[in-house]
Amino acid sequence: MSRPEMTKEYLESIKGSIPYEMKPFDVKNPNTSNFSTNKTTLPNKGIIRDKRVSLKEAIIQSGLKNGMTISFHHHFRSGDKTIKTVMEIVKELGIKDLTIASSSLTDAHNFLTNFINDGYVKALQTSGCRDTLGKFVSEGHCKTPMIIRSHGGRGRAIESGDLKIDVAFIAASSSDMMGNSNGKIGKSRCGSLGYGIVDAENANKTVIITDNLVDYPNKVISISQTHVDFVVEVEEIGDAKGIMTNEIRLSSNPKEEIIAKNVTNVITNTELFKDKFSIQMGTGGASLSVVKLLKKEMIDKNIKASFCLGGITGHQVSLLNEGLVEALYDTQSFDMIAGESIATNPNHIEISASMYANPHNKSPFVNKLDYVILSALEVDTNFNVNVITGSDGVIRGAAGGHPDTAEGAKISIICLPLIRGRLSCVVEKVNTIITPGHTVDVIVTDLGIAVNPLRKDIQDQLKAAGIKTITLEEMQKFAEDIIGKAKPIEWDYSKPVALIEDRDGTILDIVYKVKK
């Protein structure tokens, strides 16, 4: 069977229980939203002075029934324990065919394979997944294709009503009895609750789950009691040590150090690198290695940044503390240093995922970025980027804020090694498009710098500074002359396993089952 043409009719035939109309992505005609922000049904319960109940009672009183949608956040990343706690009670109550709409799924959620097999979960809507769960989805075990959205795309879907959350379960490291809550205080501090804020403000019912119940009123409020229906106290919501994962690391790899130098050359030799510039840095080794190189350039040229955005690490916190950055705007705190900083430094500011990157609100923060540095699994000669499927076609990553920042920033820089293992990372056509090529400005590998032909201004600035560039076709040939071409993946086109939704709500690509 050949790959089906991605028409509107085909998308409608495979979308499963998705209630809204699906349309293919069209770079020449971006999708625009015509909607009033989705509102929840406001309860009329009279005067409530205490919202504390058990988790089981919260689920029962929320009205959760077969076929509904529940949401979670992933601020604890690999340390999350909340989804499993909730799903065990769901199983006890015999509630089935649920859609789980988590902001992302990690290796901490591999147990969901059992809940899918047993019929308690019928669908996943998320930023991505990996490990055992990613393989399980890629093998076609879900009833309907998984919907993959960027963080901004998820905010758009929730606020527009495309993604209607019946019950949001939000882990918070601190809450009072009425639901005033945050992730900044307590033994399980995770920092920003940027994803949970959107869920709380739009879900029909919101349940705060905490392991640190404090006296009313809570002194720090990320999520207000005005959006909370129930408060549940448990022993542990998550392990903050699990926030720092393998994807978040400073590099000691010589190849990544070369990439970092090339990225720094792009930034420091383009005209936006001046006082008050803004930047988002990725979490890969090369991206974070740029920090120390950029710091030296900033000091030498007496340049300070106005703000850093996005997932914040201790490296950006250091820039803030040293006066090289005026403020950090944080949707997700990526390590314990960032978690502590957001709790103590007034210039380290929490923002919601919608404020961060929703393309259809009145203006997200990503639109004010000068630079963004992002990593990738592979890129193609049309500048398309894949961060979801591995060389075997198996889902092993997440869209995150990748497409949002690439489109919003004035200069988007993708960095990756030219060769990873025995495979070229620059190919003729990526397995899966997550970030479309027209939003990508520069691709950097250890071989050199490639500038998108659409950005002649960047090419001219680098040339004037004496920075040499290379084409992606030249990079691809160099790699393939060494290791050859990879064997094509054999897909089962009769079984779509994931729909890649562009941040505007249209379908950008489809992941199919991998043939064994």
Protein backbone atom coordinates (compact mmCIF):
# COMPACT_ATOMS: atom_id res chain seq x y z
CA MET A 1 0.00 0.00 0.00
CA SER A 2 1.38 3.42 -0.96
CA ARG A 3 1.30 6.42 1.36
CA PRO A 4 -2.23 7.93 1.29
CA GLU A 5 -2.60 11.49 0.09
CA MET A 6 -3.23 13.72 3.11
CA THR A 7 -6.56 15.18 2.02
CA LYS A 8 -9.30 16.60 4.21
CA GLU A 9 -11.43 13.54 3.42
CA TYR A 10 -8.66 11.14 4.44
CA LEU A 11 -8.03 12.99 7.71
CA GLU A 12 -11.73 12.90 8.54
CA SER A 13 -11.76 9.13 7.96
CA ILE A 14 -8.91 8.39 10.41
CA LYS A 15 -9.40 10.98 13.16
CA GLY A 16 -11.35 8.73 15.50
CA SER A 17 -13.34 10.59 18.15
CA ILE A 18 -11.85 14.04 17.48
CA PRO A 19 -14.91 16.35 17.37
CA TYR A 20 -13.55 19.15 15.19
CA GLU A 21 -12.95 19.26 11.44
CA MET A 22 -9.45 18.30 10.36
CA LYS A 23 -7.66 20.08 7.55
CA PRO A 24 -4.22 19.51 6.00
CA PHE A 25 -1.51 22.11 6.65
CA ASP A 26 -1.12 24.73 3.93
CA VAL A 27 1.93 26.96 4.18
CA LYS A 28 0.38 29.52 1.81
CA ASN A 29 -2.91 29.72 3.70
CA PRO A 30 -2.36 29.50 7.47
CA ASN A 31 -5.36 28.47 9.51
CA THR A 32 -6.96 31.30 11.47
CA SER A 33 -9.30 30.87 14.39
CA ASN A 34 -12.71 32.47 14.60
CA PHE A 35 -13.86 31.66 18.09
CA SER A 36 -14.71 33.03 21.47
CA THR A 37 -12.41 31.66 24.15
CA ASN A 38 -13.77 28.37 25.45
CA LYS A 39 -15.49 28.87 28.81
CA THR A 40 -16.20 26.37 31.53
CA THR A 41 -19.59 25.82 33.12
CA LEU A 42 -19.58 27.80 36.35
CA PRO A 43 -21.07 25.91 39.30
CA ASN A 44 -23.70 27.37 41.56
CA LYS A 45 -23.03 25.65 44.85
CA GLY A 46 -23.67 28.44 47.29
CA ILE A 47 -20.95 29.30 49.80
CA ILE A 48 -18.01 26.86 49.87
CA ARG A 49 -15.46 27.21 52.65
CA ASP A 50 -13.46 24.01 52.22
CA LYS A 51 -12.80 22.06 49.01
CA ARG A 52 -10.81 19.19 50.52
CA VAL A 53 -11.94 15.67 49.58
CA SER A 54 -10.30 12.31 48.90
CA LEU A 55 -9.11 11.61 45.37
CA LYS A 56 -11.81 9.00 44.90
CA GLU A 57 -14.49 11.44 46.05
CA ALA A 58 -13.08 14.17 43.79
CA ILE A 59 -13.34 11.88 40.76
CA ILE A 60 -16.89 10.84 41.66
CA GLN A 61 -18.06 14.40 42.35
CA SER A 62 -16.39 15.69 39.18
CA GLY A 63 -18.83 13.60 37.19
CA LEU A 64 -16.09 11.76 35.30
CA LYS A 65 -17.69 9.15 33.05
CA ASN A 66 -16.79 6.76 30.25
CA GLY A 67 -15.47 8.50 27.13
CA MET A 68 -14.47 11.79 28.79
CA THR A 69 -11.17 13.69 28.56
CA ILE A 70 -8.81 14.22 31.49
CA SER A 71 -5.66 16.30 31.56
CA PHE A 72 -2.36 16.45 33.43
CA HIS A 73 0.84 18.48 33.26
CA HIS A 74 4.37 17.12 32.98
CA HIS A 75 6.30 19.60 35.11
CA PHE A 76 7.81 16.68 37.05
CA ARG A 77 8.91 15.03 33.80
CA SER A 78 10.40 11.61 34.70
CA GLY A 79 9.56 12.15 38.37
CA ASP A 80 5.79 12.39 37.88
CA LYS A 81 3.63 10.20 40.13
CA THR A 82 0.26 11.91 39.76
CA ILE A 83 -1.02 10.28 36.57
CA LYS A 84 -0.54 6.79 37.98
CA THR A 85 -2.20 7.74 41.28
CA VAL A 86 -5.26 9.07 39.43
CA MET A 87 -5.48 6.19 36.98
CA GLU A 88 -5.48 3.59 39.76
CA ILE A 89 -8.63 5.19 41.20
CA VAL A 90 -10.14 5.46 37.71
CA LYS A 91 -9.57 1.72 37.32
CA GLU A 92 -11.12 1.03 40.73
CA LEU A 93 -14.22 3.00 39.69
CA GLY A 94 -14.41 1.16 36.36
CA ILE A 95 -14.35 4.30 34.20
CA LYS A 96 -13.27 3.44 30.66
CA ASP A 97 -12.49 4.86 27.21
CA LEU A 98 -10.85 8.01 28.55
CA THR A 99 -8.74 10.40 26.51
CA ILE A 100 -5.59 11.48 28.34
CA ALA A 101 -4.55 14.98 27.32
CA SER A 102 -1.28 15.50 29.16
CA SER A 103 1.03 18.36 28.22
CA SER A 104 3.60 15.63 27.55
CA LEU A 105 4.37 12.02 28.50
CA THR A 106 7.72 10.64 29.66
CA ASP A 107 9.22 7.30 30.63
CA ALA A 108 7.39 7.68 33.96
CA HIS A 109 4.19 6.92 32.07
CA ASN A 110 5.08 3.59 30.48
CA PHE A 111 2.45 1.99 32.74
CA LEU A 112 -0.25 3.55 30.54
CA THR A 113 0.22 0.68 28.10
CA ASN A 114 -1.67 -1.55 30.54
CA PHE A 115 -4.51 0.97 30.91
CA ILE A 116 -4.80 1.22 27.12
CA ASN A 117 -4.82 -2.56 26.71
CA ASP A 118 -7.48 -2.92 29.41
CA GLY A 119 -9.76 -0.30 27.86
CA TYR A 120 -9.45 2.44 30.48
CA VAL A 121 -7.69 4.73 28.00
CA LYS A 122 -8.74 4.95 24.35
CA ALA A 123 -6.74 7.96 23.12
CA LEU A 124 -3.76 10.21 23.85
CA GLN A 125 -3.42 13.91 23.05
CA THR A 126 -0.02 15.23 24.05
CA SER A 127 3.24 16.82 22.96
CA GLY A 128 4.91 13.43 22.57
CA CYS A 129 6.04 10.28 24.31
CA ARG A 130 9.03 7.97 24.41
CA ASP A 131 10.47 4.72 25.72
CA THR A 132 8.07 1.77 26.11
CA LEU A 133 4.97 3.93 25.61
CA GLY A 134 6.37 5.43 22.40
CA LYS A 135 7.09 1.96 21.01
CA PHE A 136 3.62 0.79 22.07
CA VAL A 137 1.92 3.67 20.24
CA SER A 138 4.16 3.17 17.19
CA GLU A 139 3.10 -0.48 17.02
CA GLY A 140 -0.52 0.63 16.60
CA HIS A 141 -2.03 -0.49 19.91
CA CYS A 142 -4.17 2.62 20.51
CA LYS A 143 -7.79 2.66 19.32
CA THR A 144 -7.33 6.01 17.59
CA PRO A 145 -4.24 7.95 16.41
CA MET A 146 -2.43 9.97 19.05
CA ILE A 147 -2.69 13.74 18.53
CA ILE A 148 0.68 15.49 18.88
CA ARG A 149 0.61 19.22 19.55
CA SER A 150 3.26 21.79 20.38
CA HIS A 151 2.94 23.59 23.71
CA GLY A 152 1.49 26.64 21.98
CA GLY A 153 -0.74 24.47 19.84
CA ARG A 154 -2.08 22.77 22.95
CA GLY A 155 -2.86 26.14 24.51
CA ARG A 156 -4.67 27.13 21.33
CA ALA A 157 -6.63 23.87 21.21
CA ILE A 158 -7.75 24.18 24.84
CA GLU A 159 -8.73 27.85 24.67
CA SER A 160 -10.54 27.42 21.35
CA GLY A 161 -12.48 24.41 22.56
CA ASP A 162 -10.88 21.97 20.10
CA LEU A 163 -9.56 20.17 23.17
CA LYS A 164 -12.34 20.13 25.75
CA ILE A 165 -11.05 19.01 29.15
CA ASP A 166 -13.73 17.44 31.34
CA VAL A 167 -11.52 17.08 34.41
CA ALA A 168 -8.04 18.52 34.93
CA PHE A 169 -5.85 16.90 37.57
CA ILE A 170 -3.11 19.33 38.52
CA ALA A 171 -0.22 18.38 40.79
CA ALA A 172 0.87 21.36 42.90
CA SER A 173 3.66 21.41 45.46
CA SER A 174 1.65 23.79 47.63
CA SER A 175 -2.07 24.45 48.03
CA ASP A 176 -4.51 25.68 50.62
CA MET A 177 -7.92 24.14 51.28
CA MET A 178 -9.56 26.31 48.61
CA GLY A 179 -7.12 25.51 45.81
CA ASN A 180 -4.83 28.53 45.73
CA SER A 181 -1.77 26.65 44.56
CA ASN A 182 1.71 26.77 43.06
CA GLY A 183 4.74 24.66 42.18
CA LYS A 184 7.25 26.94 43.89
CA ILE A 185 6.95 25.93 47.55
CA GLY A 186 7.11 22.57 49.31
CA LYS A 187 9.09 19.33 49.35
CA SER A 188 8.04 18.51 45.77
CA ARG A 189 8.80 21.90 44.24
CA CYS A 190 8.78 21.80 40.42
CA GLY A 191 8.84 25.55 39.71
CA SER A 192 6.54 26.99 37.07
CA LEU A 193 3.05 25.53 36.56
CA GLY A 194 2.80 27.04 33.07
CA TYR A 195 0.99 24.07 31.53
CA GLY A 196 -1.36 23.52 34.45
CA ILE A 197 -2.52 27.14 34.46
CA VAL A 198 -4.14 26.77 31.02
CA ASP A 199 -5.87 23.55 32.07
CA ALA A 200 -7.21 25.04 35.31
CA GLU A 201 -8.63 28.09 33.57
CA ASN A 202 -10.48 26.08 30.90
CA ALA A 203 -11.36 22.63 32.26
CA ASN A 204 -14.95 21.93 33.22
CA LYS A 205 -13.71 20.62 36.59
CA THR A 206 -10.31 21.17 38.18
CA VAL A 207 -8.76 19.00 40.88
CA ILE A 208 -5.64 20.23 42.67
CA ILE A 209 -3.53 17.37 44.02
CA THR A 210 -0.90 18.34 46.58
CA ASP A 211 1.44 16.84 49.15
CA ASN A 212 1.83 20.15 50.97
CA LEU A 213 -1.41 21.57 52.32
CA VAL A 214 -0.80 25.03 53.80
CA ASP A 215 -2.91 27.43 55.83
CA TYR A 216 -5.41 29.58 53.97
CA PRO A 217 -4.69 31.80 52.16
CA ASN A 218 -1.63 30.50 50.35
CA LYS A 219 0.90 33.32 50.04
CA VAL A 220 1.96 32.36 46.50
CA ILE A 221 -0.77 31.78 43.93
CA SER A 222 -0.13 30.41 40.43
CA ILE A 223 -3.59 28.85 40.12
CA SER A 224 -6.44 30.67 41.82
CA GLN A 225 -9.20 29.12 43.91
CA THR A 226 -11.65 30.69 41.43
CA HIS A 227 -10.71 27.93 38.95
CA VAL A 228 -10.59 25.01 41.41
CA ASP A 229 -13.38 22.59 42.31
CA PHE A 230 -11.61 20.09 44.58
CA VAL A 231 -8.41 19.86 46.62
CA VAL A 232 -6.86 16.46 47.32
CA GLU A 233 -3.98 15.79 49.70
CA VAL A 234 -1.75 12.81 48.91
CA GLU A 235 1.58 11.52 50.24
CA GLU A 236 3.63 12.39 47.15
CA ILE A 237 2.85 14.08 43.83
CA GLY A 238 6.26 13.58 42.25
CA ASP A 239 10.01 13.43 42.65
CA ALA A 240 11.61 16.76 41.76
CA LYS A 241 14.90 14.98 41.06
CA GLY A 242 13.22 13.45 37.99
CA ILE A 243 12.83 16.88 36.39
CA MET A 244 16.47 16.86 35.28
CA THR A 245 16.52 14.25 32.50
CA ASN A 246 19.10 13.08 29.98
CA GLU A 247 17.83 15.58 27.41
CA ILE A 248 18.92 18.42 29.71
CA ARG A 249 22.67 18.47 30.09
CA LEU A 250 25.79 20.54 29.55
CA SER A 251 27.99 18.97 26.91
CA SER A 252 31.46 17.51 27.27
CA ASN A 253 31.30 16.11 23.73
CA PRO A 254 33.92 17.71 21.41
CA LYS A 255 31.50 17.49 18.47
CA GLU A 256 28.86 19.42 20.41
CA GLU A 257 31.46 21.99 21.44
CA ILE A 258 32.14 22.67 17.74
CA ILE A 259 28.40 23.02 17.14
CA ALA A 260 28.17 25.45 20.06
CA LYS A 261 30.96 27.59 18.59
CA ASN A 262 29.19 27.67 15.22
CA VAL A 263 25.89 28.68 16.86
CA THR A 264 27.66 31.42 18.81
CA ASN A 265 29.21 32.71 15.58
CA VAL A 266 25.75 32.97 14.02
CA ILE A 267 24.33 34.89 16.97
CA THR A 268 27.23 37.26 17.55
CA ASN A 269 27.63 38.12 13.87
CA THR A 270 24.01 39.02 13.12
CA GLU A 271 22.58 42.47 13.71
CA LEU A 272 20.09 41.42 16.40
CA PHE A 273 22.96 40.71 18.81
CA LYS A 274 22.91 44.01 20.61
CA ASP A 275 21.87 45.40 23.98
CA LYS A 276 18.37 44.24 25.04
CA PHE A 277 18.28 41.24 22.70
CA SER A 278 16.06 38.29 23.68
CA ILE A 279 16.72 34.57 23.44
CA GLN A 280 15.46 31.09 24.17
CA MET A 281 18.04 28.34 24.59
CA GLY A 282 17.33 24.67 24.07
CA THR A 283 18.03 21.87 26.53
CA GLY A 284 20.40 19.76 24.43
CA GLY A 285 24.12 19.62 25.17
CA ALA A 286 25.19 21.95 22.35
CA SER A 287 22.40 24.43 23.08
CA LEU A 288 23.44 24.78 26.70
CA SER A 289 27.13 24.94 25.78
CA VAL A 290 26.30 28.08 23.83
CA VAL A 291 25.52 29.77 27.16
CA LYS A 292 29.13 29.88 28.35
CA LEU A 293 30.40 31.06 24.95
CA LEU A 294 27.69 33.68 24.61
CA LYS A 295 28.31 34.90 28.14
CA LYS A 296 31.93 35.76 27.25
CA GLU A 297 30.83 37.65 24.13
CA MET A 298 28.22 39.58 26.11
CA ILE A 299 30.77 40.63 28.72
CA ASP A 300 33.39 41.57 26.11
CA LYS A 301 30.91 43.69 24.13
CA ASN A 302 29.05 45.05 27.18
CA ILE A 303 25.73 43.60 25.97
CA LYS A 304 22.87 42.54 28.23
CA ALA A 305 19.81 40.56 27.22
CA SER A 306 16.33 41.84 28.00
CA PHE A 307 14.92 38.36 28.68
CA CYS A 308 15.34 34.62 28.32
CA LEU A 309 12.22 32.61 27.56
CA GLY A 310 10.83 29.12 27.72
CA GLY A 311 12.11 26.14 29.60
CA ILE A 312 14.52 27.68 32.08
CA THR A 313 17.63 25.95 33.48
CA GLY A 314 20.21 26.89 36.07
CA HIS A 315 22.41 28.22 33.27
CA GLN A 316 19.95 31.00 32.46
CA VAL A 317 19.50 31.60 36.19
CA SER A 318 23.25 32.25 36.40
CA LEU A 319 22.98 34.86 33.65
CA LEU A 320 20.16 36.53 35.58
CA ASN A 321 22.05 36.50 38.86
CA GLU A 322 25.15 37.94 37.18
CA GLY A 323 23.16 40.82 35.69
CA LEU A 324 23.59 39.70 32.07
CA VAL A 325 19.85 39.11 31.62
CA GLU A 326 17.13 41.38 32.99
CA ALA A 327 14.40 38.76 33.41
CA LEU A 328 13.47 35.12 32.86
CA TYR A 329 9.99 34.18 31.62
CA ASP A 330 9.38 30.59 32.59
CA THR A 331 6.78 28.13 31.31
CA GLN A 332 8.67 25.11 32.61
CA SER A 333 11.51 25.00 35.15
CA PHE A 334 13.98 22.42 33.87
CA ASP A 335 16.03 21.80 37.00
CA MET A 336 16.04 22.37 40.75
CA ILE A 337 18.11 25.56 40.46
CA ALA A 338 15.42 27.09 38.24
CA GLY A 339 12.75 25.83 40.64
CA GLU A 340 14.41 27.63 43.52
CA SER A 341 15.03 30.80 41.51
CA ILE A 342 11.40 31.23 40.43
CA ALA A 343 10.40 30.99 44.09
CA THR A 344 12.84 33.65 45.30
CA ASN A 345 13.74 36.05 42.48
CA PRO A 346 11.04 38.54 41.39
CA ASN A 347 12.72 38.84 37.99
CA HIS A 348 12.15 35.13 37.35
CA ILE A 349 8.53 35.18 36.20
CA GLU A 350 6.04 32.37 35.66
CA ILE A 351 3.95 32.45 32.46
CA SER A 352 1.31 30.08 31.12
CA ALA A 353 1.81 27.93 28.02
CA SER A 354 -0.76 30.07 26.23
CA MET A 355 1.02 33.30 27.11
CA TYR A 356 4.22 31.60 25.98
CA ALA A 357 3.23 30.35 22.55
CA ASN A 358 -0.47 30.18 21.64
CA PRO A 359 -0.45 31.49 18.04
CA HIS A 360 -4.12 32.51 18.10
CA ASN A 361 -4.25 34.64 21.21
CA LYS A 362 -3.63 38.38 20.97
CA SER A 363 0.15 37.94 21.20
CA PRO A 364 2.36 35.23 22.73
CA PHE A 365 5.86 35.80 24.11
CA VAL A 366 7.52 33.80 21.32
CA ASN A 367 6.71 36.60 18.89
CA LYS A 368 9.15 38.87 20.73
CA LEU A 369 12.11 36.49 20.58
CA ASP A 370 15.18 37.59 18.65
CA TYR A 371 16.91 34.20 18.76
CA VAL A 372 15.96 30.64 19.59
CA ILE A 373 18.38 27.71 19.72
CA LEU A 374 16.79 24.30 19.21
CA SER A 375 18.02 20.74 18.82
CA ALA A 376 16.74 18.04 16.44
CA LEU A 377 16.86 14.35 15.60
CA GLU A 378 17.14 15.05 11.87
CA VAL A 379 16.64 17.80 9.30
CA ASP A 380 16.13 17.65 5.56
CA THR A 381 17.35 19.71 2.65
CA ASN A 382 14.10 21.71 2.72
CA PHE A 383 14.92 22.76 6.31
CA ASN A 384 12.08 20.65 7.78
CA VAL A 385 12.83 19.35 11.28
CA ASN A 386 11.99 16.06 13.00
CA VAL A 387 12.12 15.76 16.80
CA ILE A 388 9.55 12.96 17.18
CA THR A 389 10.47 9.74 15.37
CA GLY A 390 13.83 8.00 15.46
CA SER A 391 15.69 6.45 12.55
CA ASP A 392 13.55 3.33 13.06
CA GLY A 393 10.30 5.30 12.79
CA VAL A 394 9.43 4.77 16.45
CA ILE A 395 8.07 7.72 18.45
CA ARG A 396 10.75 8.78 20.91
CA GLY A 397 10.39 12.50 21.48
CA ALA A 398 8.09 15.49 21.84
CA ALA A 399 7.23 18.60 19.86
CA GLY A 400 7.52 20.81 22.94
CA GLY A 401 7.84 24.47 22.02
CA HIS A 402 9.98 23.69 18.96
CA PRO A 403 7.51 24.74 16.22
CA ASP A 404 6.25 27.68 18.29
CA THR A 405 9.61 29.32 18.87
CA ALA A 406 10.93 28.54 15.38
CA GLU A 407 8.01 30.42 13.86
CA GLY A 408 7.90 33.21 16.42
CA ALA A 409 11.59 34.10 16.73
CA LYS A 410 13.27 36.48 14.32
CA ILE A 411 16.17 34.03 13.92
CA SER A 412 15.64 30.32 14.61
CA ILE A 413 18.75 28.17 14.84
CA ILE A 414 18.59 24.37 14.76
CA CYS A 415 21.69 22.53 15.97
CA LEU A 416 22.53 18.84 15.66
CA PRO A 417 25.49 16.60 14.80
CA LEU A 418 25.98 15.81 11.12
CA ILE A 419 26.37 12.11 11.90
CA ARG A 420 24.81 10.31 14.86
CA GLY A 421 25.91 6.71 15.24
CA ARG A 422 25.98 5.37 11.68
CA LEU A 423 23.32 7.72 10.34
CA SER A 424 23.34 11.10 8.65
CA CYS A 425 21.20 13.65 10.48
CA VAL A 426 20.84 15.71 7.29
CA VAL A 427 18.63 13.80 4.87
CA GLU A 428 16.64 14.35 1.71
CA LYS A 429 13.31 14.00 3.55
CA VAL A 430 12.74 13.71 7.29
CA ASN A 431 10.67 10.81 8.65
CA THR A 432 8.25 13.18 10.35
CA ILE A 433 7.82 16.94 10.03
CA ILE A 434 7.34 18.69 13.36
CA THR A 435 8.73 22.10 12.45
CA PRO A 436 8.16 23.13 8.81
CA GLY A 437 11.15 24.42 6.89
CA HIS A 438 9.83 27.88 6.14
CA THR A 439 10.05 28.68 9.88
CA VAL A 440 13.68 27.54 10.21
CA ASP A 441 16.37 30.12 9.46
CA VAL A 442 19.72 28.48 10.19
CA ILE A 443 20.87 24.88 10.65
CA VAL A 444 24.18 24.28 12.40
CA THR A 445 26.16 21.04 12.54
CA ASP A 446 29.75 20.21 13.42
CA LEU A 447 30.54 20.53 9.69
CA GLY A 448 29.30 24.10 9.39
CA ILE A 449 26.44 26.57 9.07
CA ALA A 450 23.59 26.42 6.54
CA VAL A 451 21.30 29.40 6.03
CA ASN A 452 17.78 29.05 4.63
CA PRO A 453 17.71 30.66 1.15
CA LEU A 454 14.62 32.55 2.32
CA ARG A 455 16.89 34.49 4.72
CA LYS A 456 19.31 36.27 2.41
CA ASP A 457 19.65 38.99 5.07
CA ILE A 458 21.24 36.52 7.49
CA GLN A 459 23.47 35.11 4.75
CA ASP A 460 24.68 38.61 3.88
CA GLN A 461 25.40 39.50 7.52
CA LEU A 462 27.44 36.35 8.08
CA LYS A 463 29.34 36.85 4.83
CA ALA A 464 30.19 40.43 5.81
CA ALA A 465 31.58 39.11 9.10
CA GLY A 466 33.73 36.53 7.33
CA ILE A 467 31.66 33.56 8.52
CA LYS A 468 31.64 30.78 5.94
CA THR A 469 28.44 28.88 5.20
CA ILE A 470 27.62 25.60 3.48
CA THR A 471 24.45 24.21 1.91
CA LEU A 472 22.43 21.38 3.42
CA GLU A 473 22.91 19.42 0.19
CA GLU A 474 26.68 19.65 0.72
CA MET A 475 26.29 18.50 4.32
CA GLN A 476 24.13 15.56 3.24
CA LYS A 477 26.62 14.48 0.55
CA PHE A 478 29.57 14.75 2.95
CA ALA A 479 27.85 12.49 5.47
CA GLU A 480 26.59 9.96 2.93
CA ASP A 481 30.02 9.72 1.30
CA ILE A 482 31.25 8.47 4.68
CA ILE A 483 28.41 6.24 5.87
CA GLY A 484 26.11 5.78 2.89
CA LYS A 485 22.35 6.25 2.75
CA ALA A 486 20.09 4.85 5.44
CA LYS A 487 17.72 2.04 4.53
CA PRO A 488 14.17 3.41 4.10
CA ILE A 489 11.70 2.66 6.88
CA GLU A 490 8.91 0.26 5.97
CA TRP A 491 5.63 1.84 7.09
CA ASP A 492 2.24 0.19 7.32
CA TYR A 493 0.15 2.88 5.63
CA SER A 494 -3.08 1.13 6.59
CA LYS A 495 -2.47 2.05 10.25
CA PRO A 496 -1.91 5.73 11.17
CA VAL A 497 -0.66 5.92 14.78
CA ALA A 498 -0.18 9.67 15.31
CA LEU A 499 -1.38 12.91 13.73
CA ILE A 500 1.07 15.82 13.90
CA GLU A 501 -0.98 18.96 14.41
CA ASP A 502 0.61 22.22 13.38
CA ARG A 503 0.35 24.97 15.97
CA ASP A 504 -2.42 26.54 13.85
CA GLY A 505 -4.63 23.44 14.22
CA THR A 506 -4.15 21.88 10.79
CA ILE A 507 -2.48 18.51 10.23
CA LEU A 508 1.16 18.82 9.27
CA ASP A 509 2.13 15.15 9.01
CA ILE A 510 1.10 11.61 9.92
CA VAL A 511 3.10 8.90 11.67
CA TYR A 512 2.27 5.38 10.55
CA LYS A 513 2.79 2.01 12.18
CA VAL A 514 6.25 0.60 11.58
CA LYS A 515 6.31 -2.82 9.95
CA LYS A 516 8.08 -5.40 12.07
